[in-house]
N, C-alpha and C. Protein backbone atom coordinates (compact mmCIF):
# COMPACT_ATOMS: atom_id res chain seq x y z
N MET A 1 -38.08 0.56 5.60
CA MET A 1 -36.81 0.87 6.25
C MET A 1 -37.04 1.08 7.74
N SER A 2 -36.03 0.76 8.53
CA SER A 2 -36.11 1.02 9.96
C SER A 2 -34.79 1.61 10.42
N GLY A 3 -34.86 2.44 11.46
CA GLY A 3 -33.65 3.05 11.98
C GLY A 3 -33.82 3.36 13.44
N ASP A 4 -32.83 4.02 14.02
CA ASP A 4 -32.92 4.44 15.40
C ASP A 4 -32.42 5.87 15.50
N SER A 5 -32.36 6.40 16.73
CA SER A 5 -31.97 7.80 16.91
C SER A 5 -30.54 8.06 16.45
N LYS A 6 -29.67 7.06 16.57
CA LYS A 6 -28.28 7.24 16.16
C LYS A 6 -28.12 7.07 14.66
N HIS A 7 -28.84 6.12 14.09
CA HIS A 7 -28.73 5.82 12.68
C HIS A 7 -30.11 5.88 12.03
N PRO A 8 -30.49 7.03 11.47
CA PRO A 8 -31.77 7.10 10.76
C PRO A 8 -31.82 6.06 9.65
N ALA A 9 -33.01 5.73 9.22
CA ALA A 9 -33.19 4.67 8.23
C ALA A 9 -32.39 4.94 6.96
N ILE A 10 -31.61 3.96 6.53
CA ILE A 10 -30.82 4.06 5.30
C ILE A 10 -31.30 2.97 4.33
N LYS A 11 -31.42 3.36 3.09
CA LYS A 11 -31.79 2.41 2.04
C LYS A 11 -30.76 2.52 0.92
N LEU A 12 -30.12 1.40 0.60
CA LEU A 12 -29.15 1.35 -0.49
C LEU A 12 -29.76 0.56 -1.64
N THR A 13 -29.85 1.18 -2.79
CA THR A 13 -30.39 0.52 -3.98
C THR A 13 -29.27 0.22 -4.95
N TYR A 14 -29.16 -1.05 -5.32
CA TYR A 14 -28.16 -1.48 -6.30
C TYR A 14 -28.61 -2.81 -6.87
N PHE A 15 -27.86 -3.30 -7.86
CA PHE A 15 -28.18 -4.59 -8.47
C PHE A 15 -27.87 -5.73 -7.50
N ASP A 16 -28.33 -6.91 -7.83
CA ASP A 16 -28.09 -8.09 -7.00
C ASP A 16 -26.74 -8.72 -7.33
N VAL A 17 -25.71 -7.89 -7.29
CA VAL A 17 -24.32 -8.31 -7.52
C VAL A 17 -23.44 -7.47 -6.60
N LYS A 18 -22.14 -7.75 -6.61
CA LYS A 18 -21.21 -6.94 -5.82
C LYS A 18 -21.04 -5.57 -6.50
N GLY A 19 -20.37 -5.56 -7.66
CA GLY A 19 -20.24 -4.35 -8.45
C GLY A 19 -19.81 -3.13 -7.66
N ARG A 20 -20.35 -1.98 -8.05
CA ARG A 20 -20.01 -0.72 -7.40
C ARG A 20 -20.73 -0.54 -6.07
N GLY A 21 -21.74 -1.34 -5.81
CA GLY A 21 -22.48 -1.20 -4.56
C GLY A 21 -21.86 -1.92 -3.38
N GLU A 22 -20.99 -2.89 -3.65
CA GLU A 22 -20.45 -3.71 -2.56
C GLU A 22 -19.61 -2.91 -1.58
N GLN A 23 -18.86 -1.94 -2.07
CA GLN A 23 -18.03 -1.12 -1.17
C GLN A 23 -18.89 -0.36 -0.16
N VAL A 24 -20.09 0.05 -0.58
CA VAL A 24 -21.00 0.74 0.34
C VAL A 24 -21.56 -0.25 1.36
N ARG A 25 -21.92 -1.43 0.89
CA ARG A 25 -22.40 -2.47 1.82
C ARG A 25 -21.33 -2.78 2.86
N LEU A 26 -20.08 -2.91 2.41
CA LEU A 26 -18.98 -3.20 3.33
C LEU A 26 -18.83 -2.12 4.38
N TYR A 27 -18.88 -0.87 3.96
CA TYR A 27 -18.74 0.24 4.91
C TYR A 27 -19.86 0.21 5.95
N LEU A 28 -21.08 0.05 5.49
CA LEU A 28 -22.22 0.03 6.41
C LEU A 28 -22.13 -1.14 7.37
N LYS A 29 -21.76 -2.30 6.86
CA LYS A 29 -21.63 -3.49 7.72
C LYS A 29 -20.51 -3.32 8.73
N ASP A 30 -19.37 -2.80 8.29
CA ASP A 30 -18.23 -2.64 9.18
C ASP A 30 -18.57 -1.71 10.34
N ASN A 31 -19.40 -0.72 10.08
CA ASN A 31 -19.78 0.25 11.11
C ASN A 31 -21.07 -0.12 11.84
N ALA A 32 -21.60 -1.30 11.53
CA ALA A 32 -22.84 -1.76 12.17
C ALA A 32 -23.98 -0.75 12.01
N ILE A 33 -24.06 -0.15 10.83
CA ILE A 33 -25.11 0.81 10.52
C ILE A 33 -26.26 0.06 9.85
N PRO A 34 -27.43 0.02 10.46
CA PRO A 34 -28.56 -0.70 9.84
C PRO A 34 -28.95 -0.08 8.50
N PHE A 35 -29.25 -0.92 7.53
CA PHE A 35 -29.69 -0.39 6.24
C PHE A 35 -30.52 -1.44 5.50
N GLU A 36 -31.34 -0.95 4.60
CA GLU A 36 -32.11 -1.84 3.73
C GLU A 36 -31.30 -2.07 2.47
N ASP A 37 -30.98 -3.31 2.19
CA ASP A 37 -30.19 -3.68 1.02
C ASP A 37 -31.16 -3.97 -0.12
N ASN A 38 -31.55 -2.92 -0.82
CA ASN A 38 -32.56 -3.02 -1.87
C ASN A 38 -31.91 -3.43 -3.19
N ARG A 39 -32.01 -4.71 -3.52
CA ARG A 39 -31.37 -5.24 -4.73
C ARG A 39 -32.38 -5.31 -5.86
N ILE A 40 -32.07 -4.65 -6.96
CA ILE A 40 -33.01 -4.58 -8.06
C ILE A 40 -32.44 -5.25 -9.31
N SER A 41 -33.32 -5.51 -10.26
CA SER A 41 -32.93 -6.10 -11.54
C SER A 41 -32.69 -5.00 -12.56
N PHE A 42 -32.12 -5.35 -13.70
CA PHE A 42 -31.90 -4.36 -14.75
C PHE A 42 -33.23 -3.82 -15.28
N PRO A 43 -34.27 -4.67 -15.47
CA PRO A 43 -35.57 -4.12 -15.87
C PRO A 43 -36.14 -3.14 -14.84
N GLN A 44 -35.93 -3.43 -13.55
CA GLN A 44 -36.40 -2.51 -12.52
C GLN A 44 -35.67 -1.17 -12.59
N LEU A 45 -34.38 -1.21 -12.94
CA LEU A 45 -33.64 0.05 -13.11
C LEU A 45 -34.28 0.87 -14.22
N GLY A 46 -34.64 0.21 -15.31
CA GLY A 46 -35.29 0.90 -16.41
C GLY A 46 -36.58 1.57 -15.99
N GLU A 47 -37.33 0.88 -15.12
CA GLU A 47 -38.58 1.44 -14.63
C GLU A 47 -38.32 2.69 -13.79
N GLU A 48 -37.29 2.62 -12.94
CA GLU A 48 -36.95 3.77 -12.09
C GLU A 48 -36.45 4.94 -12.94
N GLN A 49 -35.73 4.63 -14.01
CA GLN A 49 -35.25 5.69 -14.89
C GLN A 49 -36.41 6.41 -15.56
N LYS A 50 -37.43 5.66 -15.95
CA LYS A 50 -38.62 6.26 -16.57
C LYS A 50 -39.35 7.14 -15.58
N LYS A 51 -39.37 6.74 -14.31
CA LYS A 51 -40.05 7.52 -13.27
C LYS A 51 -39.26 8.79 -12.92
N GLY A 52 -37.96 8.78 -13.21
CA GLY A 52 -37.13 9.93 -12.87
C GLY A 52 -36.78 9.99 -11.40
N THR A 53 -36.78 8.83 -10.72
CA THR A 53 -36.51 8.81 -9.28
C THR A 53 -35.03 8.78 -8.94
N LEU A 54 -34.18 8.47 -9.93
CA LEU A 54 -32.74 8.40 -9.70
C LEU A 54 -32.09 9.68 -10.25
N PRO A 55 -31.30 10.39 -9.44
CA PRO A 55 -30.76 11.68 -9.87
C PRO A 55 -29.91 11.62 -11.13
N TRP A 56 -29.14 10.55 -11.31
CA TRP A 56 -28.32 10.41 -12.51
C TRP A 56 -28.78 9.23 -13.36
N GLY A 57 -29.90 8.67 -13.00
CA GLY A 57 -30.42 7.53 -13.75
C GLY A 57 -29.62 6.27 -13.53
N SER A 58 -28.87 6.21 -12.42
CA SER A 58 -27.99 5.07 -12.19
C SER A 58 -27.96 4.68 -10.72
N VAL A 59 -27.39 3.54 -10.47
CA VAL A 59 -27.17 3.05 -9.11
C VAL A 59 -25.69 2.73 -8.97
N PRO A 60 -25.16 2.73 -7.71
CA PRO A 60 -25.85 2.73 -6.42
C PRO A 60 -26.47 4.08 -6.08
N PHE A 61 -27.50 4.00 -5.26
CA PHE A 61 -28.28 5.16 -4.85
C PHE A 61 -28.62 4.97 -3.38
N LEU A 62 -28.26 5.96 -2.55
CA LEU A 62 -28.49 5.84 -1.11
C LEU A 62 -29.49 6.90 -0.65
N GLU A 63 -30.42 6.46 0.18
CA GLU A 63 -31.41 7.36 0.77
C GLU A 63 -31.32 7.26 2.30
N GLU A 64 -31.38 8.42 2.94
CA GLU A 64 -31.39 8.47 4.40
C GLU A 64 -32.36 9.58 4.80
N GLY A 65 -33.54 9.18 5.21
CA GLY A 65 -34.56 10.17 5.50
C GLY A 65 -34.90 10.94 4.24
N ASP A 66 -34.83 12.27 4.31
CA ASP A 66 -35.12 13.12 3.16
C ASP A 66 -33.90 13.35 2.28
N PHE A 67 -32.76 12.82 2.70
CA PHE A 67 -31.52 13.02 1.95
C PHE A 67 -31.29 11.83 1.02
N SER A 68 -30.78 12.12 -0.18
CA SER A 68 -30.43 11.04 -1.11
C SER A 68 -29.21 11.44 -1.92
N ILE A 69 -28.44 10.44 -2.33
CA ILE A 69 -27.22 10.72 -3.10
C ILE A 69 -26.87 9.50 -3.94
N ALA A 70 -26.32 9.74 -5.11
CA ALA A 70 -25.89 8.67 -6.02
C ALA A 70 -24.38 8.76 -6.23
N GLN A 71 -23.84 7.75 -6.91
CA GLN A 71 -22.42 7.61 -7.22
C GLN A 71 -21.64 7.14 -5.98
N SER A 72 -21.03 5.97 -6.11
CA SER A 72 -20.41 5.32 -4.95
C SER A 72 -19.32 6.17 -4.27
N PRO A 73 -18.42 6.88 -4.97
CA PRO A 73 -17.44 7.70 -4.24
C PRO A 73 -18.12 8.78 -3.39
N ALA A 74 -19.18 9.39 -3.93
CA ALA A 74 -19.89 10.43 -3.18
C ALA A 74 -20.62 9.82 -1.99
N ILE A 75 -21.19 8.63 -2.17
CA ILE A 75 -21.89 7.96 -1.08
C ILE A 75 -20.92 7.65 0.06
N LEU A 76 -19.76 7.11 -0.28
CA LEU A 76 -18.77 6.78 0.75
C LEU A 76 -18.26 8.03 1.46
N THR A 77 -18.06 9.10 0.71
CA THR A 77 -17.61 10.35 1.32
C THR A 77 -18.67 10.88 2.29
N TYR A 78 -19.92 10.80 1.88
CA TYR A 78 -21.02 11.24 2.76
C TYR A 78 -21.05 10.42 4.04
N LEU A 79 -20.97 9.10 3.90
CA LEU A 79 -21.03 8.23 5.07
C LEU A 79 -19.83 8.44 5.99
N GLU A 80 -18.65 8.60 5.40
CA GLU A 80 -17.45 8.81 6.21
C GLU A 80 -17.54 10.13 6.97
N THR A 81 -18.06 11.15 6.29
CA THR A 81 -18.20 12.46 6.93
C THR A 81 -19.19 12.40 8.09
N LYS A 82 -20.27 11.65 7.90
CA LYS A 82 -21.32 11.62 8.92
C LYS A 82 -21.03 10.62 10.04
N TYR A 83 -20.52 9.43 9.67
CA TYR A 83 -20.35 8.37 10.68
C TYR A 83 -18.91 8.17 11.11
N GLY A 84 -17.98 8.74 10.34
CA GLY A 84 -16.63 8.96 10.80
C GLY A 84 -15.75 7.84 11.26
N GLN A 85 -15.42 6.86 10.40
CA GLN A 85 -14.42 5.87 10.79
C GLN A 85 -13.07 6.55 11.01
N ALA A 86 -12.80 7.62 10.29
CA ALA A 86 -11.51 8.30 10.40
C ALA A 86 -11.44 9.21 11.63
N GLY A 87 -12.56 9.37 12.32
CA GLY A 87 -12.58 10.10 13.58
C GLY A 87 -12.12 11.54 13.47
N ALA A 88 -11.41 12.00 14.52
CA ALA A 88 -11.00 13.40 14.60
C ALA A 88 -10.02 13.77 13.49
N SER A 89 -9.37 12.78 12.89
CA SER A 89 -8.39 13.06 11.85
C SER A 89 -9.03 13.22 10.46
N TRP A 90 -10.37 13.16 10.39
CA TRP A 90 -11.04 13.19 9.09
C TRP A 90 -10.71 14.45 8.30
N GLY A 91 -10.68 15.60 8.95
CA GLY A 91 -10.39 16.84 8.23
C GLY A 91 -9.05 16.79 7.53
N THR A 92 -8.04 16.27 8.22
CA THR A 92 -6.69 16.17 7.65
C THR A 92 -6.61 15.06 6.60
N ASN A 93 -7.29 13.96 6.87
CA ASN A 93 -7.15 12.79 6.00
C ASN A 93 -8.17 12.73 4.88
N GLN A 94 -9.15 13.62 4.88
CA GLN A 94 -10.20 13.58 3.86
C GLN A 94 -9.66 13.54 2.44
N PRO A 95 -8.68 14.39 2.07
CA PRO A 95 -8.18 14.32 0.69
C PRO A 95 -7.56 12.97 0.35
N ARG A 96 -6.84 12.36 1.30
CA ARG A 96 -6.21 11.06 1.05
C ARG A 96 -7.26 9.97 0.86
N VAL A 97 -8.30 10.02 1.68
CA VAL A 97 -9.36 9.01 1.58
C VAL A 97 -10.09 9.13 0.26
N ILE A 98 -10.47 10.35 -0.10
CA ILE A 98 -11.21 10.56 -1.35
C ILE A 98 -10.33 10.20 -2.55
N SER A 99 -9.05 10.55 -2.49
CA SER A 99 -8.13 10.20 -3.58
C SER A 99 -8.05 8.69 -3.76
N ALA A 100 -7.94 7.95 -2.65
CA ALA A 100 -7.85 6.49 -2.73
C ALA A 100 -9.14 5.88 -3.26
N ILE A 101 -10.28 6.43 -2.84
CA ILE A 101 -11.57 5.94 -3.34
C ILE A 101 -11.68 6.16 -4.85
N CYS A 102 -11.28 7.34 -5.30
CA CYS A 102 -11.35 7.66 -6.73
C CYS A 102 -10.39 6.78 -7.54
N ALA A 103 -9.23 6.47 -6.97
CA ALA A 103 -8.28 5.59 -7.65
C ALA A 103 -8.87 4.20 -7.81
N ALA A 104 -9.52 3.70 -6.76
CA ALA A 104 -10.18 2.39 -6.85
C ALA A 104 -11.27 2.41 -7.93
N GLU A 105 -11.98 3.52 -8.02
CA GLU A 105 -13.03 3.65 -9.03
C GLU A 105 -12.44 3.69 -10.43
N ASP A 106 -11.28 4.33 -10.58
CA ASP A 106 -10.60 4.36 -11.87
C ASP A 106 -10.28 2.94 -12.33
N HIS A 107 -9.71 2.14 -11.42
CA HIS A 107 -9.38 0.77 -11.82
C HIS A 107 -10.63 -0.04 -12.06
N ARG A 108 -11.66 0.19 -11.27
CA ARG A 108 -12.92 -0.54 -11.45
C ARG A 108 -13.46 -0.34 -12.87
N GLN A 109 -13.37 0.89 -13.34
CA GLN A 109 -13.84 1.18 -14.70
C GLN A 109 -12.97 0.48 -15.74
N LEU A 110 -11.67 0.48 -15.55
CA LEU A 110 -10.77 -0.22 -16.47
C LEU A 110 -11.06 -1.71 -16.48
N ARG A 111 -11.27 -2.26 -15.29
CA ARG A 111 -11.57 -3.70 -15.19
C ARG A 111 -12.86 -4.05 -15.93
N LEU A 112 -13.87 -3.23 -15.76
CA LEU A 112 -15.16 -3.49 -16.40
C LEU A 112 -15.05 -3.39 -17.92
N GLN A 113 -14.18 -2.51 -18.40
CA GLN A 113 -14.00 -2.38 -19.85
C GLN A 113 -13.42 -3.64 -20.46
N SER A 114 -12.63 -4.39 -19.69
CA SER A 114 -12.02 -5.61 -20.22
C SER A 114 -12.81 -6.86 -19.85
N THR A 115 -13.90 -6.70 -19.12
CA THR A 115 -14.70 -7.87 -18.71
C THR A 115 -16.16 -7.69 -19.08
N LEU A 116 -16.92 -7.01 -18.24
CA LEU A 116 -18.36 -6.91 -18.42
C LEU A 116 -18.75 -6.21 -19.71
N PHE A 117 -18.03 -5.14 -20.07
CA PHE A 117 -18.42 -4.35 -21.23
C PHE A 117 -17.73 -4.81 -22.52
N ALA A 118 -16.86 -5.79 -22.44
CA ALA A 118 -16.10 -6.23 -23.61
C ALA A 118 -16.91 -7.23 -24.45
N PRO A 119 -16.76 -7.19 -25.77
CA PRO A 119 -17.41 -8.21 -26.62
C PRO A 119 -16.92 -9.60 -26.21
N ALA A 120 -17.81 -10.57 -26.24
CA ALA A 120 -17.50 -11.92 -25.76
C ALA A 120 -16.26 -12.49 -26.42
N ASP A 121 -16.09 -12.25 -27.72
CA ASP A 121 -14.96 -12.84 -28.44
C ASP A 121 -13.64 -12.10 -28.19
N GLN A 122 -13.69 -11.01 -27.43
CA GLN A 122 -12.48 -10.24 -27.15
C GLN A 122 -12.09 -10.24 -25.67
N LYS A 123 -12.94 -10.80 -24.84
CA LYS A 123 -12.72 -10.71 -23.39
C LYS A 123 -11.39 -11.32 -22.96
N GLU A 124 -11.10 -12.52 -23.40
CA GLU A 124 -9.88 -13.19 -22.96
C GLU A 124 -8.64 -12.38 -23.33
N ALA A 125 -8.60 -11.88 -24.57
CA ALA A 125 -7.44 -11.10 -25.03
C ALA A 125 -7.35 -9.78 -24.27
N LEU A 126 -8.49 -9.13 -24.03
CA LEU A 126 -8.49 -7.85 -23.33
C LEU A 126 -8.07 -8.00 -21.87
N GLN A 127 -8.51 -9.09 -21.24
CA GLN A 127 -8.13 -9.33 -19.86
C GLN A 127 -6.63 -9.61 -19.75
N LYS A 128 -6.11 -10.40 -20.67
CA LYS A 128 -4.67 -10.69 -20.69
C LYS A 128 -3.87 -9.40 -20.89
N LYS A 129 -4.34 -8.56 -21.79
CA LYS A 129 -3.66 -7.29 -22.07
C LYS A 129 -3.72 -6.37 -20.85
N HIS A 130 -4.86 -6.37 -20.16
CA HIS A 130 -4.99 -5.53 -18.97
C HIS A 130 -3.98 -5.95 -17.90
N VAL A 131 -3.86 -7.25 -17.68
CA VAL A 131 -2.92 -7.76 -16.67
C VAL A 131 -1.50 -7.40 -17.04
N GLU A 132 -1.12 -7.63 -18.29
CA GLU A 132 0.27 -7.43 -18.73
C GLU A 132 0.64 -5.95 -18.86
N ASP A 133 -0.31 -5.13 -19.33
CA ASP A 133 0.01 -3.73 -19.64
C ASP A 133 -0.31 -2.76 -18.50
N LYS A 134 -1.29 -3.13 -17.66
CA LYS A 134 -1.74 -2.17 -16.65
C LYS A 134 -1.67 -2.71 -15.22
N LEU A 135 -2.25 -3.88 -14.97
CA LEU A 135 -2.37 -4.36 -13.60
C LEU A 135 -1.01 -4.64 -12.97
N LEU A 136 -0.18 -5.46 -13.63
CA LEU A 136 1.10 -5.85 -13.04
C LEU A 136 2.14 -4.72 -13.04
N PRO A 137 2.31 -3.98 -14.15
CA PRO A 137 3.35 -2.94 -14.13
C PRO A 137 2.95 -1.65 -13.43
N ARG A 138 1.65 -1.37 -13.35
CA ARG A 138 1.24 -0.07 -12.80
C ARG A 138 0.37 -0.17 -11.56
N TRP A 139 -0.75 -0.84 -11.68
CA TRP A 139 -1.74 -0.76 -10.61
C TRP A 139 -1.32 -1.46 -9.33
N LEU A 140 -0.92 -2.71 -9.40
CA LEU A 140 -0.54 -3.41 -8.18
C LEU A 140 0.67 -2.76 -7.49
N PRO A 141 1.72 -2.35 -8.24
CA PRO A 141 2.82 -1.65 -7.56
C PRO A 141 2.38 -0.36 -6.88
N ASN A 142 1.47 0.40 -7.51
CA ASN A 142 1.02 1.65 -6.91
C ASN A 142 0.14 1.41 -5.68
N ILE A 143 -0.67 0.36 -5.72
CA ILE A 143 -1.46 0.01 -4.54
C ILE A 143 -0.53 -0.41 -3.41
N GLU A 144 0.48 -1.19 -3.74
CA GLU A 144 1.46 -1.63 -2.75
C GLU A 144 2.17 -0.41 -2.13
N LYS A 145 2.53 0.57 -2.95
CA LYS A 145 3.18 1.78 -2.45
C LYS A 145 2.26 2.55 -1.50
N MET A 146 0.97 2.55 -1.78
CA MET A 146 0.01 3.24 -0.92
C MET A 146 0.05 2.67 0.49
N PHE A 147 0.06 1.34 0.59
CA PHE A 147 0.10 0.71 1.90
C PHE A 147 1.47 0.85 2.56
N ALA A 148 2.53 0.83 1.76
CA ALA A 148 3.88 1.00 2.31
C ALA A 148 4.03 2.41 2.89
N LYS A 149 3.48 3.40 2.20
CA LYS A 149 3.57 4.78 2.67
C LYS A 149 2.82 4.99 3.97
N SER A 150 1.65 4.34 4.11
CA SER A 150 0.85 4.52 5.33
C SER A 150 1.37 3.67 6.48
N GLY A 151 2.15 2.64 6.16
CA GLY A 151 2.61 1.70 7.18
C GLY A 151 1.64 0.55 7.38
N GLY A 152 0.47 0.65 6.73
CA GLY A 152 -0.52 -0.42 6.78
C GLY A 152 -1.07 -0.67 8.17
N PRO A 153 -1.99 -1.60 8.30
CA PRO A 153 -2.46 -2.42 7.19
C PRO A 153 -3.48 -1.72 6.29
N TYR A 154 -3.96 -0.51 6.71
CA TYR A 154 -5.01 0.16 5.96
C TYR A 154 -4.47 1.36 5.19
N VAL A 155 -5.34 1.99 4.43
CA VAL A 155 -4.95 3.14 3.62
C VAL A 155 -4.40 4.27 4.49
N LEU A 156 -4.97 4.45 5.67
CA LEU A 156 -4.50 5.47 6.61
C LEU A 156 -3.62 4.88 7.71
N GLY A 157 -3.03 3.75 7.47
CA GLY A 157 -2.20 3.12 8.49
C GLY A 157 -3.03 2.24 9.40
N ALA A 158 -3.00 2.54 10.70
CA ALA A 158 -3.77 1.75 11.66
C ALA A 158 -5.24 2.12 11.67
N GLN A 159 -5.59 3.28 11.10
CA GLN A 159 -6.96 3.78 11.12
C GLN A 159 -7.73 3.32 9.88
N VAL A 160 -8.84 2.64 10.09
CA VAL A 160 -9.66 2.20 8.97
C VAL A 160 -10.50 3.36 8.47
N SER A 161 -10.83 3.35 7.19
CA SER A 161 -11.64 4.41 6.59
C SER A 161 -12.47 3.86 5.44
N ALA A 162 -13.27 4.73 4.85
CA ALA A 162 -14.09 4.33 3.71
C ALA A 162 -13.24 3.88 2.52
N ALA A 163 -12.01 4.39 2.43
CA ALA A 163 -11.13 3.98 1.34
C ALA A 163 -10.82 2.49 1.39
N ASP A 164 -10.81 1.93 2.59
CA ASP A 164 -10.53 0.49 2.74
C ASP A 164 -11.69 -0.34 2.21
N ALA A 165 -12.91 0.10 2.44
CA ALA A 165 -14.07 -0.60 1.89
C ALA A 165 -14.01 -0.60 0.37
N SER A 166 -13.61 0.54 -0.20
CA SER A 166 -13.53 0.65 -1.64
C SER A 166 -12.45 -0.25 -2.23
N TRP A 167 -11.25 -0.22 -1.62
CA TRP A 167 -10.16 -1.03 -2.17
C TRP A 167 -10.33 -2.52 -1.88
N PHE A 168 -10.91 -2.87 -0.73
CA PHE A 168 -11.15 -4.30 -0.48
C PHE A 168 -12.10 -4.85 -1.52
N SER A 169 -13.16 -4.10 -1.80
CA SER A 169 -14.13 -4.54 -2.80
C SER A 169 -13.48 -4.72 -4.16
N GLU A 170 -12.65 -3.76 -4.56
CA GLU A 170 -12.03 -3.86 -5.87
C GLU A 170 -10.95 -4.94 -5.92
N LEU A 171 -10.16 -5.07 -4.87
CA LEU A 171 -9.13 -6.11 -4.86
C LEU A 171 -9.74 -7.51 -4.86
N GLU A 172 -10.88 -7.66 -4.21
CA GLU A 172 -11.59 -8.95 -4.28
C GLU A 172 -11.87 -9.32 -5.74
N MET A 173 -12.35 -8.34 -6.51
CA MET A 173 -12.68 -8.60 -7.90
C MET A 173 -11.42 -8.79 -8.75
N ILE A 174 -10.36 -8.04 -8.45
CA ILE A 174 -9.10 -8.23 -9.17
C ILE A 174 -8.62 -9.66 -9.02
N VAL A 175 -8.65 -10.17 -7.79
CA VAL A 175 -8.21 -11.54 -7.53
C VAL A 175 -9.13 -12.54 -8.22
N ALA A 176 -10.44 -12.31 -8.15
CA ALA A 176 -11.41 -13.25 -8.71
C ALA A 176 -11.36 -13.29 -10.24
N VAL A 177 -11.12 -12.15 -10.87
CA VAL A 177 -11.18 -12.07 -12.33
C VAL A 177 -9.83 -12.36 -12.98
N PHE A 178 -8.76 -11.76 -12.44
CA PHE A 178 -7.46 -11.83 -13.11
C PHE A 178 -6.49 -12.83 -12.49
N HIS A 179 -6.75 -13.27 -11.28
CA HIS A 179 -5.89 -14.25 -10.57
C HIS A 179 -4.42 -13.86 -10.57
N PRO A 180 -4.10 -12.63 -10.18
CA PRO A 180 -2.69 -12.22 -10.20
C PRO A 180 -1.90 -12.89 -9.08
N ASP A 181 -0.61 -13.04 -9.32
CA ASP A 181 0.29 -13.57 -8.30
C ASP A 181 0.63 -12.44 -7.34
N LEU A 182 0.18 -12.53 -6.09
CA LEU A 182 0.40 -11.46 -5.11
C LEU A 182 1.58 -11.74 -4.18
N GLN A 183 2.41 -12.70 -4.52
CA GLN A 183 3.53 -13.04 -3.65
C GLN A 183 4.46 -11.86 -3.43
N GLY A 184 4.61 -11.01 -4.43
CA GLY A 184 5.51 -9.87 -4.30
C GLY A 184 4.84 -8.63 -3.75
N PHE A 185 3.60 -8.77 -3.27
CA PHE A 185 2.83 -7.62 -2.79
C PHE A 185 2.35 -7.88 -1.37
N ALA A 186 3.30 -7.86 -0.45
CA ALA A 186 3.01 -8.18 0.95
C ALA A 186 2.02 -7.20 1.57
N GLY A 187 2.12 -5.92 1.20
CA GLY A 187 1.22 -4.92 1.76
C GLY A 187 -0.22 -5.16 1.36
N ILE A 188 -0.43 -5.55 0.11
CA ILE A 188 -1.78 -5.85 -0.37
C ILE A 188 -2.33 -7.07 0.35
N ARG A 189 -1.51 -8.11 0.48
CA ARG A 189 -1.96 -9.33 1.16
C ARG A 189 -2.30 -9.04 2.62
N ARG A 190 -1.45 -8.24 3.28
CA ARG A 190 -1.69 -7.89 4.68
C ARG A 190 -3.00 -7.11 4.83
N PHE A 191 -3.24 -6.17 3.90
CA PHE A 191 -4.47 -5.40 3.94
C PHE A 191 -5.69 -6.29 3.77
N MET A 192 -5.65 -7.16 2.78
CA MET A 192 -6.80 -8.04 2.51
C MET A 192 -7.11 -8.91 3.73
N GLU A 193 -6.06 -9.44 4.35
CA GLU A 193 -6.25 -10.30 5.52
C GLU A 193 -6.79 -9.51 6.71
N ALA A 194 -6.24 -8.30 6.93
CA ALA A 194 -6.66 -7.49 8.07
C ALA A 194 -8.10 -7.03 7.93
N TYR A 195 -8.47 -6.59 6.73
CA TYR A 195 -9.83 -6.08 6.54
C TYR A 195 -10.85 -7.23 6.63
N ALA A 196 -10.51 -8.36 6.04
CA ALA A 196 -11.42 -9.51 6.08
C ALA A 196 -11.60 -10.06 7.49
N ALA A 197 -10.62 -9.80 8.36
CA ALA A 197 -10.68 -10.32 9.73
C ALA A 197 -11.42 -9.38 10.69
N ARG A 198 -11.76 -8.18 10.24
CA ARG A 198 -12.53 -7.29 11.11
C ARG A 198 -13.85 -7.98 11.47
N PRO A 199 -14.24 -7.98 12.74
CA PRO A 199 -15.38 -8.80 13.18
C PRO A 199 -16.64 -8.65 12.34
N ASN A 200 -17.07 -7.43 12.10
CA ASN A 200 -18.30 -7.23 11.33
C ASN A 200 -18.14 -7.62 9.87
N ILE A 201 -16.94 -7.41 9.33
CA ILE A 201 -16.68 -7.78 7.94
C ILE A 201 -16.62 -9.31 7.82
N ALA A 202 -15.94 -9.96 8.76
CA ALA A 202 -15.85 -11.42 8.73
C ALA A 202 -17.23 -12.04 8.77
N ALA A 203 -18.10 -11.50 9.62
CA ALA A 203 -19.47 -12.03 9.71
C ALA A 203 -20.22 -11.81 8.41
N TYR A 204 -20.05 -10.63 7.81
CA TYR A 204 -20.73 -10.33 6.55
C TYR A 204 -20.24 -11.23 5.42
N LEU A 205 -18.93 -11.44 5.33
CA LEU A 205 -18.38 -12.28 4.27
C LEU A 205 -18.89 -13.71 4.37
N ARG A 206 -19.13 -14.16 5.59
CA ARG A 206 -19.65 -15.52 5.77
C ARG A 206 -21.11 -15.64 5.32
N GLU A 207 -21.87 -14.58 5.53
CA GLU A 207 -23.32 -14.67 5.32
C GLU A 207 -23.81 -14.06 4.01
N ARG A 208 -22.98 -13.27 3.33
CA ARG A 208 -23.47 -12.55 2.16
C ARG A 208 -23.82 -13.49 1.02
N LYS A 209 -24.73 -13.02 0.19
CA LYS A 209 -25.13 -13.79 -0.97
C LYS A 209 -23.97 -13.87 -1.96
N GLN A 210 -23.70 -15.06 -2.45
CA GLN A 210 -22.61 -15.24 -3.40
C GLN A 210 -23.07 -14.92 -4.82
N THR A 211 -22.39 -14.00 -5.45
CA THR A 211 -22.69 -13.63 -6.83
C THR A 211 -21.40 -13.66 -7.63
N PRO A 212 -21.48 -13.87 -8.95
CA PRO A 212 -20.26 -14.00 -9.76
C PRO A 212 -19.47 -12.71 -9.92
N VAL A 213 -20.15 -11.56 -9.83
CA VAL A 213 -19.46 -10.28 -9.97
C VAL A 213 -19.92 -9.32 -8.90
């Protein structure tokens, strides 16, 4: 790992996929924070679990000097608190940012239950049910309301935050997996376009390794 006086060395450990680690990669890239993108395999995770080096036996796992933390919502909260995309308004906006991150994590878990964790012979039916019963009637309208309330294009309005990294990551997967019609969700489309156009994010999206999930 390498770092400088402003940004001590950061190491992010996660699988060689987007998954729960991508939102952390996005945040670090957007803020131009140098980090080691340590991508491991599932067998390597097992080895680390045997060693007891992971606090919860899971990834993503972030290390910065002598400090370490697991669980993506906690990692994003730590980074936002320390590096502060939300700036002076962080104290006031912290509950909103954390709430939005946790909501994205809630949907991420639901999505994984109907895709990655679902039996192969049930995936198609479970994905269809998720779209019809949860995504279209509940999740997309509530996400749209979040952006309408803030005025957009971001979760906090004009101010970008860690919540945007979390929701951009999850919305990317929603579009890739479920292919929903977003014509009626102008706020979501505006957010996706605005976040993807941020200079550091645009550069990262062009150069990042392409993985299926």
